[in-house]
PDB file of N, CA and C in Angstrom:
ATOM      1  N   UNK A   1     142.776 -19.130 119.267  1.00  0.00           N
ATOM      2  CA  UNK A   1     143.863 -19.433 118.374  1.00  0.00           C
ATOM      3  C   UNK A   1     143.310 -19.418 116.962  1.00  0.00           C
ATOM      4  N   UNK A   2     144.067 -18.824 116.070  1.00  0.00           N
ATOM      5  CA  UNK A   2     143.674 -18.746 114.675  1.00  0.00           C
ATOM      6  C   UNK A   2     144.524 -19.690 113.835  1.00  0.00           C
ATOM      7  N   UNK A   3     143.914 -20.184 112.776  1.00  0.00           N
ATOM      8  CA  UNK A   3     144.598 -21.049 111.817  1.00  0.00           C
ATOM      9  C   UNK A   3     144.596 -20.339 110.473  1.00  0.00           C
ATOM     10  N   UNK A   4     145.744 -20.314 109.820  1.00  0.00           N
ATOM     11  CA  UNK A   4     145.853 -19.706 108.503  1.00  0.00           C
ATOM     12  C   UNK A   4     145.287 -20.661 107.459  1.00  0.00           C
ATOM     13  N   UNK A   5     144.356 -20.165 106.642  1.00  0.00           N
ATOM     14  CA  UNK A   5     143.765 -21.003 105.593  1.00  0.00           C
ATOM     15  C   UNK A   5     144.226 -20.601 104.192  1.00  0.00           C
ATOM     16  N   UNK A   6     145.137 -19.634 104.127  1.00  0.00           N
ATOM     17  CA  UNK A   6     145.623 -19.186 102.821  1.00  0.00           C
ATOM     18  C   UNK A   6     147.077 -19.585 102.581  1.00  0.00           C
ATOM     19  N   UNK A   7     147.584 -20.493 103.396  1.00  0.00           N
ATOM     20  CA  UNK A   7     148.965 -20.943 103.266  1.00  0.00           C
ATOM     21  C   UNK A   7     149.017 -22.457 103.433  1.00  0.00           C
ATOM     22  N   UNK A   8     149.926 -23.084 102.724  1.00  0.00           N
ATOM     23  CA  UNK A   8     150.087 -24.535 102.839  1.00  0.00           C
ATOM     24  C   UNK A   8     150.790 -24.906 104.147  1.00  0.00           C
ATOM     25  N   UNK A   9     151.516 -23.948 104.714  1.00  0.00           N
ATOM     26  CA  UNK A   9     152.215 -24.191 105.984  1.00  0.00           C
ATOM     27  C   UNK A   9     151.218 -24.213 107.132  1.00  0.00           C
ATOM     28  N   UNK A  10     151.566 -24.945 108.184  1.00  0.00           N
ATOM     29  CA  UNK A  10     150.741 -24.977 109.395  1.00  0.00           C
ATOM     30  C   UNK A  10     151.068 -23.730 110.212  1.00  0.00           C
ATOM     31  N   UNK A  11     150.292 -22.677 110.002  1.00  0.00           N
ATOM     32  CA  UNK A  11     150.521 -21.414 110.692  1.00  0.00           C
ATOM     33  C   UNK A  11     149.384 -21.142 111.657  1.00  0.00           C
ATOM     34  N   UNK A  12     149.749 -20.717 112.859  1.00  0.00           N
ATOM     35  CA  UNK A  12     148.753 -20.356 113.857  1.00  0.00           C
ATOM     36  C   UNK A  12     149.086 -18.994 114.436  1.00  0.00           C
ATOM     37  N   UNK A  13     148.079 -18.380 115.028  1.00  0.00           N
ATOM     38  CA  UNK A  13     148.273 -17.102 115.703  1.00  0.00           C
ATOM     39  C   UNK A  13     147.521 -17.149 117.023  1.00  0.00           C
ATOM     40  N   UNK A  14     148.170 -16.725 118.081  1.00  0.00           N
ATOM     41  CA  UNK A  14     147.565 -16.695 119.407  1.00  0.00           C
ATOM     42  C   UNK A  14     147.558 -15.255 119.887  1.00  0.00           C
ATOM     43  N   UNK A  15     146.414 -14.806 120.390  1.00  0.00           N
ATOM     44  CA  UNK A  15     146.336 -13.443 120.886  1.00  0.00           C
ATOM     45  C   UNK A  15     145.167 -13.243 121.830  1.00  0.00           C
ATOM     46  N   UNK A  16     145.247 -12.174 122.593  1.00  0.00           N
ATOM     47  CA  UNK A  16     144.212 -11.806 123.558  1.00  0.00           C
ATOM     48  C   UNK A  16     143.319 -10.734 122.951  1.00  0.00           C
ATOM     49  N   UNK A  17     142.018 -10.807 123.195  1.00  0.00           N
ATOM     50  CA  UNK A  17     141.096  -9.765 122.758  1.00  0.00           C
ATOM     51  C   UNK A  17     139.835  -9.788 123.597  1.00  0.00           C
ATOM     52  N   UNK A  18     139.156  -8.666 123.649  1.00  0.00           N
ATOM     53  CA  UNK A  18     137.849  -8.592 124.297  1.00  0.00           C
ATOM     54  C   UNK A  18     136.735  -8.810 123.281  1.00  0.00           C
ATOM     55  N   UNK A  19     137.037  -8.583 122.000  1.00  0.00           N
ATOM     56  CA  UNK A  19     136.035  -8.705 120.944  1.00  0.00           C
ATOM     57  C   UNK A  19     136.585  -9.606 119.838  1.00  0.00           C
ATOM     58  N   UNK A  20     136.305 -10.882 119.956  1.00  0.00           N
ATOM     59  CA  UNK A  20     136.872 -11.876 119.043  1.00  0.00           C
ATOM     60  C   UNK A  20     136.419 -11.676 117.600  1.00  0.00           C
ATOM     61  N   UNK A  21     135.154 -11.398 117.404  1.00  0.00           N
ATOM     62  CA  UNK A  21     134.617 -11.215 116.056  1.00  0.00           C
ATOM     63  C   UNK A  21     135.312 -10.046 115.340  1.00  0.00           C
ATOM     64  N   UNK A  22     135.467  -8.938 116.044  1.00  0.00           N
ATOM     65  CA  UNK A  22     136.116  -7.765 115.468  1.00  0.00           C
ATOM     66  C   UNK A  22     137.601  -8.016 115.216  1.00  0.00           C
ATOM     67  N   UNK A  23     138.248  -8.705 116.139  1.00  0.00           N
ATOM     68  CA  UNK A  23     139.682  -8.997 115.988  1.00  0.00           C
ATOM     69  C   UNK A  23     139.936  -9.860 114.760  1.00  0.00           C
ATOM     70  N   UNK A  24     139.101 -10.884 114.553  1.00  0.00           N
ATOM     71  CA  UNK A  24     139.246 -11.740 113.379  1.00  0.00           C
ATOM     72  C   UNK A  24     139.025 -10.933 112.094  1.00  0.00           C
ATOM     73  N   UNK A  25     138.034 -10.071 112.110  1.00  0.00           N
ATOM     74  CA  UNK A  25     137.756  -9.215 110.949  1.00  0.00           C
ATOM     75  C   UNK A  25     138.971  -8.342 110.626  1.00  0.00           C
ATOM     76  N   UNK A  26     139.589  -7.783 111.668  1.00  0.00           N
ATOM     77  CA  UNK A  26     140.786  -6.952 111.466  1.00  0.00           C
ATOM     78  C   UNK A  26     141.943  -7.760 110.886  1.00  0.00           C
ATOM     79  N   UNK A  27     142.169  -8.947 111.412  1.00  0.00           N
ATOM     80  CA  UNK A  27     143.254  -9.789 110.899  1.00  0.00           C
ATOM     81  C   UNK A  27     143.020 -10.135 109.420  1.00  0.00           C
ATOM     82  N   UNK A  28     141.804 -10.431 109.063  1.00  0.00           N
ATOM     83  CA  UNK A  28     141.504 -10.829 107.686  1.00  0.00           C
ATOM     84  C   UNK A  28     141.430  -9.655 106.717  1.00  0.00           C
ATOM     85  N   UNK A  29     141.456  -8.438 107.230  1.00  0.00           N
ATOM     86  CA  UNK A  29     141.448  -7.260 106.360  1.00  0.00           C
ATOM     87  C   UNK A  29     142.760  -6.473 106.460  1.00  0.00           C
ATOM     88  N   UNK A  30     143.821  -7.174 106.843  1.00  0.00           N
ATOM     89  CA  UNK A  30     145.175  -6.601 106.923  1.00  0.00           C
ATOM     90  C   UNK A  30     145.314  -5.450 107.915  1.00  0.00           C
ATOM     91  N   UNK A  31     144.486  -5.433 108.952  1.00  0.00           N
ATOM     92  CA  UNK A  31     144.578  -4.389 109.962  1.00  0.00           C
ATOM     93  C   UNK A  31     145.029  -4.947 111.313  1.00  0.00           C
ATOM     94  N   UNK A  32     145.310  -6.218 111.361  1.00  0.00           N
ATOM     95  CA  UNK A  32     145.704  -6.846 112.619  1.00  0.00           C
ATOM     96  C   UNK A  32     147.200  -6.827 112.815  1.00  0.00           C
ATOM     97  N   UNK A  33     147.689  -7.780 113.549  1.00  0.00           N
ATOM     98  CA  UNK A  33     149.113  -7.909 113.833  1.00  0.00           C
ATOM     99  C   UNK A  33     149.910  -8.112 112.539  1.00  0.00           C
ATOM    100  N   UNK A  34     151.141  -7.669 112.540  1.00  0.00           N
ATOM    101  CA  UNK A  34     152.004  -7.779 111.359  1.00  0.00           C
ATOM    102  C   UNK A  34     152.107  -9.222 110.869  1.00  0.00           C
ATOM    103  N   UNK A  35     152.180 -10.167 111.782  1.00  0.00           N
ATOM    104  CA  UNK A  35     152.311 -11.586 111.430  1.00  0.00           C
ATOM    105  C   UNK A  35     151.114 -12.101 110.634  1.00  0.00           C
ATOM    106  N   UNK A  36     149.943 -11.533 110.862  1.00  0.00           N
ATOM    107  CA  UNK A  36     148.724 -12.045 110.221  1.00  0.00           C
ATOM    108  C   UNK A  36     148.414 -11.385 108.878  1.00  0.00           C
ATOM    109  N   UNK A  37     149.091 -10.316 108.559  1.00  0.00           N
ATOM    110  CA  UNK A  37     148.777  -9.573 107.329  1.00  0.00           C
ATOM    111  C   UNK A  37     149.016 -10.400 106.083  1.00  0.00           C
ATOM    112  N   UNK A  38     148.092 -10.259 105.123  1.00  0.00           N
ATOM    113  CA  UNK A  38     148.222 -10.942 103.843  1.00  0.00           C
ATOM    114  C   UNK A  38     147.719 -12.372 103.853  1.00  0.00           C
ATOM    115  N   UNK A  39     147.132 -12.801 104.960  1.00  0.00           N
ATOM    116  CA  UNK A  39     146.618 -14.169 105.056  1.00  0.00           C
ATOM    117  C   UNK A  39     145.175 -14.151 105.536  1.00  0.00           C
ATOM    118  N   UNK A  40     144.474 -15.243 105.291  1.00  0.00           N
ATOM    119  CA  UNK A  40     143.111 -15.426 105.781  1.00  0.00           C
ATOM    120  C   UNK A  40     143.151 -16.394 106.948  1.00  0.00           C
ATOM    121  N   UNK A  41     142.362 -16.099 107.986  1.00  0.00           N
ATOM    122  CA  UNK A  41     142.394 -16.840 109.236  1.00  0.00           C
ATOM    123  C   UNK A  41     141.007 -17.291 109.648  1.00  0.00           C
ATOM    124  N   UNK A  42     140.958 -18.419 110.360  1.00  0.00           N
ATOM    125  CA  UNK A  42     139.725 -18.897 110.975  1.00  0.00           C
ATOM    126  C   UNK A  42     140.015 -19.214 112.441  1.00  0.00           C
ATOM    127  N   UNK A  43     138.982 -19.142 113.258  1.00  0.00           N
ATOM    128  CA  UNK A  43     139.130 -19.451 114.678  1.00  0.00           C
ATOM    129  C   UNK A  43     139.057 -20.965 114.852  1.00  0.00           C
ATOM    130  N   UNK A  44     140.065 -21.534 115.501  1.00  0.00           N
ATOM    131  CA  UNK A  44     140.039 -22.974 115.765  1.00  0.00           C
ATOM    132  C   UNK A  44     140.002 -23.283 117.255  1.00  0.00           C
ATOM    133  N   UNK A  45     140.244 -22.270 118.093  1.00  0.00           N
ATOM    134  CA  UNK A  45     140.225 -22.491 119.543  1.00  0.00           C
ATOM    135  C   UNK A  45     140.026 -21.165 120.238  1.00  0.00           C
ATOM    136  N   UNK A  46     139.132 -21.156 121.210  1.00  0.00           N
ATOM    137  CA  UNK A  46     138.933 -19.958 122.017  1.00  0.00           C
ATOM    138  C   UNK A  46     138.629 -20.373 123.448  1.00  0.00           C
ATOM    139  N   UNK A  47     138.989 -19.500 124.369  1.00  0.00           N
ATOM    140  CA  UNK A  47     138.782 -19.775 125.779  1.00  0.00           C
ATOM    141  C   UNK A  47     138.484 -18.454 126.472  1.00  0.00           C
ATOM    142  N   UNK A  48     137.455 -18.433 127.308  1.00  0.00           N
ATOM    143  CA  UNK A  48     137.048 -17.214 127.992  1.00  0.00           C
ATOM    144  C   UNK A  48     137.585 -17.212 129.423  1.00  0.00           C
ATOM    145  N   UNK A  49     138.049 -16.043 129.856  1.00  0.00           N
ATOM    146  CA  UNK A  49     138.589 -15.872 131.200  1.00  0.00           C
ATOM    147  C   UNK A  49     137.858 -14.749 131.914  1.00  0.00           C
ATOM    148  N   UNK A  50     137.831 -14.809 133.227  1.00  0.00           N
ATOM    149  CA  UNK A  50     137.163 -13.789 134.023  1.00  0.00           C
ATOM    150  C   UNK A  50     138.038 -12.555 134.239  1.00  0.00           C
ATOM    151  N   UNK A  51     139.349 -12.706 134.052  1.00  0.00           N
ATOM    152  CA  UNK A  51     140.233 -11.552 134.218  1.00  0.00           C
ATOM    153  C   UNK A  51     141.233 -11.485 133.065  1.00  0.00           C
ATOM    154  N   UNK A  52     141.652 -10.262 132.775  1.00  0.00           N
ATOM    155  CA  UNK A  52     142.652 -10.047 131.725  1.00  0.00           C
ATOM    156  C   UNK A  52     143.968 -10.715 132.115  1.00  0.00           C
ATOM    157  N   UNK A  53     144.299 -10.647 133.404  1.00  0.00           N
ATOM    158  CA  UNK A  53     145.549 -11.237 133.890  1.00  0.00           C
ATOM    159  C   UNK A  53     145.618 -12.738 133.583  1.00  0.00           C
ATOM    160  N   UNK A  54     144.533 -13.457 133.856  1.00  0.00           N
ATOM    161  CA  UNK A  54     144.504 -14.897 133.585  1.00  0.00           C
ATOM    162  C   UNK A  54     144.533 -15.178 132.088  1.00  0.00           C
ATOM    163  N   UNK A  55     143.858 -14.350 131.316  1.00  0.00           N
ATOM    164  CA  UNK A  55     143.855 -14.521 129.859  1.00  0.00           C
ATOM    165  C   UNK A  55     145.250 -14.323 129.282  1.00  0.00           C
ATOM    166  N   UNK A  56     145.937 -13.283 129.746  1.00  0.00           N
ATOM    167  CA  UNK A  56     147.282 -12.991 129.247  1.00  0.00           C
ATOM    168  C   UNK A  56     148.270 -14.080 129.667  1.00  0.00           C
ATOM    169  N   UNK A  57     148.085 -14.615 130.842  1.00  0.00           N
ATOM    170  CA  UNK A  57     148.949 -15.684 131.333  1.00  0.00           C
ATOM    171  C   UNK A  57     148.780 -16.932 130.468  1.00  0.00           C
ATOM    172  N   UNK A  58     147.533 -17.275 130.152  1.00  0.00           N
ATOM    173  CA  UNK A  58     147.273 -18.442 129.311  1.00  0.00           C
ATOM    174  C   UNK A  58     147.768 -18.209 127.880  1.00  0.00           C
ATOM    175  N   UNK A  59     147.623 -16.986 127.397  1.00  0.00           N
ATOM    176  CA  UNK A  59     148.122 -16.646 126.063  1.00  0.00           C
ATOM    177  C   UNK A  59     149.631 -16.892 125.994  1.00  0.00           C
ATOM    178  N   UNK A  60     150.349 -16.466 127.013  1.00  0.00           N
ATOM    179  CA  UNK A  60     151.797 -16.662 127.065  1.00  0.00           C
ATOM    180  C   UNK A  60     152.143 -18.149 127.023  1.00  0.00           C
ATOM    181  N   UNK A  61     151.446 -18.939 127.811  1.00  0.00           N
ATOM    182  CA  UNK A  61     151.688 -20.389 127.841  1.00  0.00           C
ATOM    183  C   UNK A  61     151.444 -21.005 126.474  1.00  0.00           C
ATOM    184  N   UNK A  62     150.312 -20.660 125.867  1.00  0.00           N
ATOM    185  CA  UNK A  62     149.960 -21.231 124.565  1.00  0.00           C
ATOM    186  C   UNK A  62     150.935 -20.797 123.471  1.00  0.00           C
ATOM    187  N   UNK A  63     151.383 -19.558 123.518  1.00  0.00           N
ATOM    188  CA  UNK A  63     152.344 -19.073 122.516  1.00  0.00           C
ATOM    189  C   UNK A  63     153.672 -19.817 122.606  1.00  0.00           C
ATOM    190  N   UNK A  64     154.040 -20.263 123.783  1.00  0.00           N
ATOM    191  CA  UNK A  64     155.340 -20.902 123.967  1.00  0.00           C
ATOM    192  C   UNK A  64     155.281 -22.422 124.016  1.00  0.00           C
ATOM    193  N   UNK A  65     154.108 -22.995 123.851  1.00  0.00           N
ATOM    194  CA  UNK A  65     153.947 -24.451 123.874  1.00  0.00           C
ATOM    195  C   UNK A  65     153.548 -24.947 122.481  1.00  0.00           C
ATOM    196  N   UNK A  66     154.550 -25.203 121.659  1.00  0.00           N
ATOM    197  CA  UNK A  66     154.296 -25.627 120.274  1.00  0.00           C
ATOM    198  C   UNK A  66     153.528 -26.936 120.203  1.00  0.00           C
ATOM    199  N   UNK A  67     153.804 -27.848 121.128  1.00  0.00           N
ATOM    200  CA  UNK A  67     153.114 -29.144 121.119  1.00  0.00           C
ATOM    201  C   UNK A  67     151.618 -28.970 121.351  1.00  0.00           C
ATOM    202  N   UNK A  68     151.264 -28.108 122.280  1.00  0.00           N
ATOM    203  CA  UNK A  68     149.850 -27.861 122.567  1.00  0.00           C
ATOM    204  C   UNK A  68     149.165 -27.198 121.373  1.00  0.00           C
ATOM    205  N   UNK A  69     149.827 -26.213 120.763  1.00  0.00           N
ATOM    206  CA  UNK A  69     149.258 -25.556 119.581  1.00  0.00           C
ATOM    207  C   UNK A  69     149.081 -26.550 118.446  1.00  0.00           C
ATOM    208  N   UNK A  70     150.056 -27.417 118.239  1.00  0.00           N
ATOM    209  CA  UNK A  70     149.963 -28.414 117.178  1.00  0.00           C
ATOM    210  C   UNK A  70     148.833 -29.402 117.456  1.00  0.00           C
ATOM    211  N   UNK A  71     148.661 -29.782 118.697  1.00  0.00           N
ATOM    212  CA  UNK A  71     147.571 -30.679 119.076  1.00  0.00           C
ATOM    213  C   UNK A  71     146.219 -30.036 118.775  1.00  0.00           C
ATOM    214  N   UNK A  72     146.049 -28.773 119.136  1.00  0.00           N
ATOM    215  CA  UNK A  72     144.809 -28.046 118.834  1.00  0.00           C
ATOM    216  C   UNK A  72     144.618 -27.955 117.327  1.00  0.00           C
ATOM    217  N   UNK A  73     145.669 -27.619 116.611  1.00  0.00           N
ATOM    218  CA  UNK A  73     145.623 -27.497 115.148  1.00  0.00           C
ATOM    219  C   UNK A  73     145.177 -28.806 114.503  1.00  0.00           C
ATOM    220  N   UNK A  74     145.783 -29.899 114.914  1.00  0.00           N
ATOM    221  CA  UNK A  74     145.489 -31.207 114.314  1.00  0.00           C
ATOM    222  C   UNK A  74     144.116 -31.735 114.709  1.00  0.00           C
ATOM    223  N   UNK A  75     143.583 -31.313 115.850  1.00  0.00           N
ATOM    224  CA  UNK A  75     142.269 -31.780 116.285  1.00  0.00           C
ATOM    225  C   UNK A  75     141.126 -30.952 115.732  1.00  0.00           C
ATOM    226  N   UNK A  76     141.430 -29.840 115.063  1.00  0.00           N
ATOM    227  CA  UNK A  76     140.388 -29.003 114.477  1.00  0.00           C
ATOM    228  C   UNK A  76     139.797 -29.701 113.256  1.00  0.00           C
ATOM    229  N   UNK A  77     138.502 -29.735 113.191  1.00  0.00           N
ATOM    230  CA  UNK A  77     137.820 -30.382 112.036  1.00  0.00           C
ATOM    231  C   UNK A  77     137.381 -29.345 111.039  1.00  0.00           C
TER     232      UNK A  77
END
């Protein structure tokens, strides 16, 4: 999960990737998802899965659970 550091709003982004370092670089250089363009992001939560299916399933859950995302956001130091 990414946290936007260039906005006063509490903005997060959840996505699946095989290469986290490269994905973050793309998001911060306006080459990532449309939602992330024009903002700077930092990683605040990551989780590794053994299969793409399990990763995508968890991504779906996290994207639709605002309370869980807010809890992760607020617990990030």
